Amino acid sequence: MTRARSNVDVIETDVALSLQRIRAAIAPKDRSPLDVDLTTLETYFAVAMRVFRKTNPSKLASETKTVEIHQRMDGRPVINEEGETV
């Protein structure tokens, strides 16, 4: 029996590009507070991607739905399956 795997490549690519665009737009000086903040986000993202790749796809789907519900309840934007903000 083969274990099902989540396809996180698209997520990884999208978020990595978003972080690169943010870093380019802000262009923080080395070791400035913004640079440290972005580095923290980039590190957190790298760890999250490693965990995503090791996590059961049904667990990821369940947690994604929970986060979406919280986002909607808080009135924050949600990205749908097509990558559009709704």
Protein backbone atom coordinates (compact mmCIF):
# COMPACT_ATOMS: atom_id res chain seq x y z
CA MET A 1 0.00 0.00 0.00
CA THR A 2 1.41 3.39 -0.98
CA ARG A 3 0.92 6.40 1.20
CA ALA A 4 -0.93 9.29 -0.43
CA ARG A 5 1.14 12.43 -0.74
CA SER A 6 -0.02 16.03 -0.87
CA ASN A 7 1.03 18.07 -3.84
CA VAL A 8 2.66 20.95 -2.02
CA ASP A 9 4.88 21.99 -4.93
CA VAL A 10 2.36 24.58 -6.13
CA ILE A 11 1.93 25.98 -2.62
CA GLU A 12 5.68 26.11 -2.12
CA THR A 13 6.24 27.91 -5.43
CA ASP A 14 3.45 30.44 -4.85
CA VAL A 15 4.49 31.34 -1.32
CA ALA A 16 8.19 31.47 -2.18
CA LEU A 17 7.42 33.89 -5.03
CA SER A 18 5.24 35.99 -2.73
CA LEU A 19 8.01 36.21 -0.15
CA GLN A 20 10.52 37.16 -2.85
CA ARG A 21 8.21 39.93 -4.13
CA ILE A 22 7.71 41.25 -0.61
CA ARG A 23 11.46 41.24 0.06
CA ALA A 24 12.12 43.02 -3.26
CA ALA A 25 9.39 45.63 -2.63
CA ILE A 26 10.53 46.40 0.89
CA ALA A 27 14.26 45.98 0.17
CA PRO A 28 15.24 45.93 3.84
CA LYS A 29 18.80 46.69 4.85
CA ASP A 30 20.79 43.74 6.15
CA ARG A 31 19.97 42.92 9.77
CA SER A 32 17.38 45.68 10.02
CA PRO A 33 14.18 44.83 11.94
CA LEU A 34 12.32 44.28 8.64
CA ASP A 35 15.10 42.02 7.37
CA VAL A 36 14.90 39.98 10.57
CA ASP A 37 11.09 39.82 10.28
CA LEU A 38 11.25 38.60 6.70
CA THR A 39 13.96 36.10 7.54
CA THR A 40 11.73 34.78 10.33
CA LEU A 41 8.83 34.33 7.88
CA GLU A 42 11.10 32.67 5.30
CA THR A 43 12.45 30.27 7.93
CA TYR A 44 8.97 29.48 9.24
CA PHE A 45 7.83 28.82 5.67
CA ALA A 46 10.78 26.47 5.01
CA VAL A 47 9.98 24.48 8.16
CA ALA A 48 6.27 24.41 7.31
CA MET A 49 7.00 23.01 3.84
CA ARG A 50 9.07 20.19 5.35
CA VAL A 51 6.20 19.37 7.73
CA PHE A 52 3.62 19.57 4.91
CA ARG A 53 5.56 17.00 2.89
CA LYS A 54 5.52 14.57 5.82
CA THR A 55 1.88 15.09 6.82
CA ASN A 56 -1.06 12.96 5.75
CA PRO A 57 -3.02 14.77 2.97
CA SER A 58 -6.35 14.32 4.77
CA LYS A 59 -4.92 16.02 7.88
CA LEU A 60 -3.69 18.93 5.74
CA ALA A 61 -7.12 19.24 4.11
CA SER A 62 -8.84 19.23 7.50
CA GLU A 63 -6.55 21.90 8.95
CA THR A 64 -6.82 24.00 5.79
CA LYS A 65 -10.61 23.97 6.11
CA THR A 66 -10.38 24.96 9.79
CA VAL A 67 -8.09 27.91 8.97
CA GLU A 68 -10.43 28.96 6.14
CA ILE A 69 -13.40 28.97 8.51
CA HIS A 70 -11.48 31.09 11.04
CA GLN A 71 -10.41 33.50 8.29
CA ARG A 72 -14.01 33.91 7.11
CA MET A 73 -15.34 34.35 10.65
CA ASP A 74 -12.74 37.08 11.25
CA GLY A 75 -13.66 38.81 7.98
CA ARG A 76 -10.22 38.25 6.48
CA PRO A 77 -9.68 37.35 2.82
CA VAL A 78 -9.46 33.71 1.79
CA ILE A 79 -7.66 32.29 -1.26
CA ASN A 80 -9.84 29.83 -3.14
CA GLU A 81 -8.74 26.73 -5.03
CA GLU A 82 -8.10 28.81 -8.17
CA GLY A 83 -5.70 31.04 -6.26
CA GLU A 84 -8.09 33.99 -6.24
CA THR A 85 -8.70 36.09 -3.15
CA VAL A 86 -12.36 36.02 -2.09
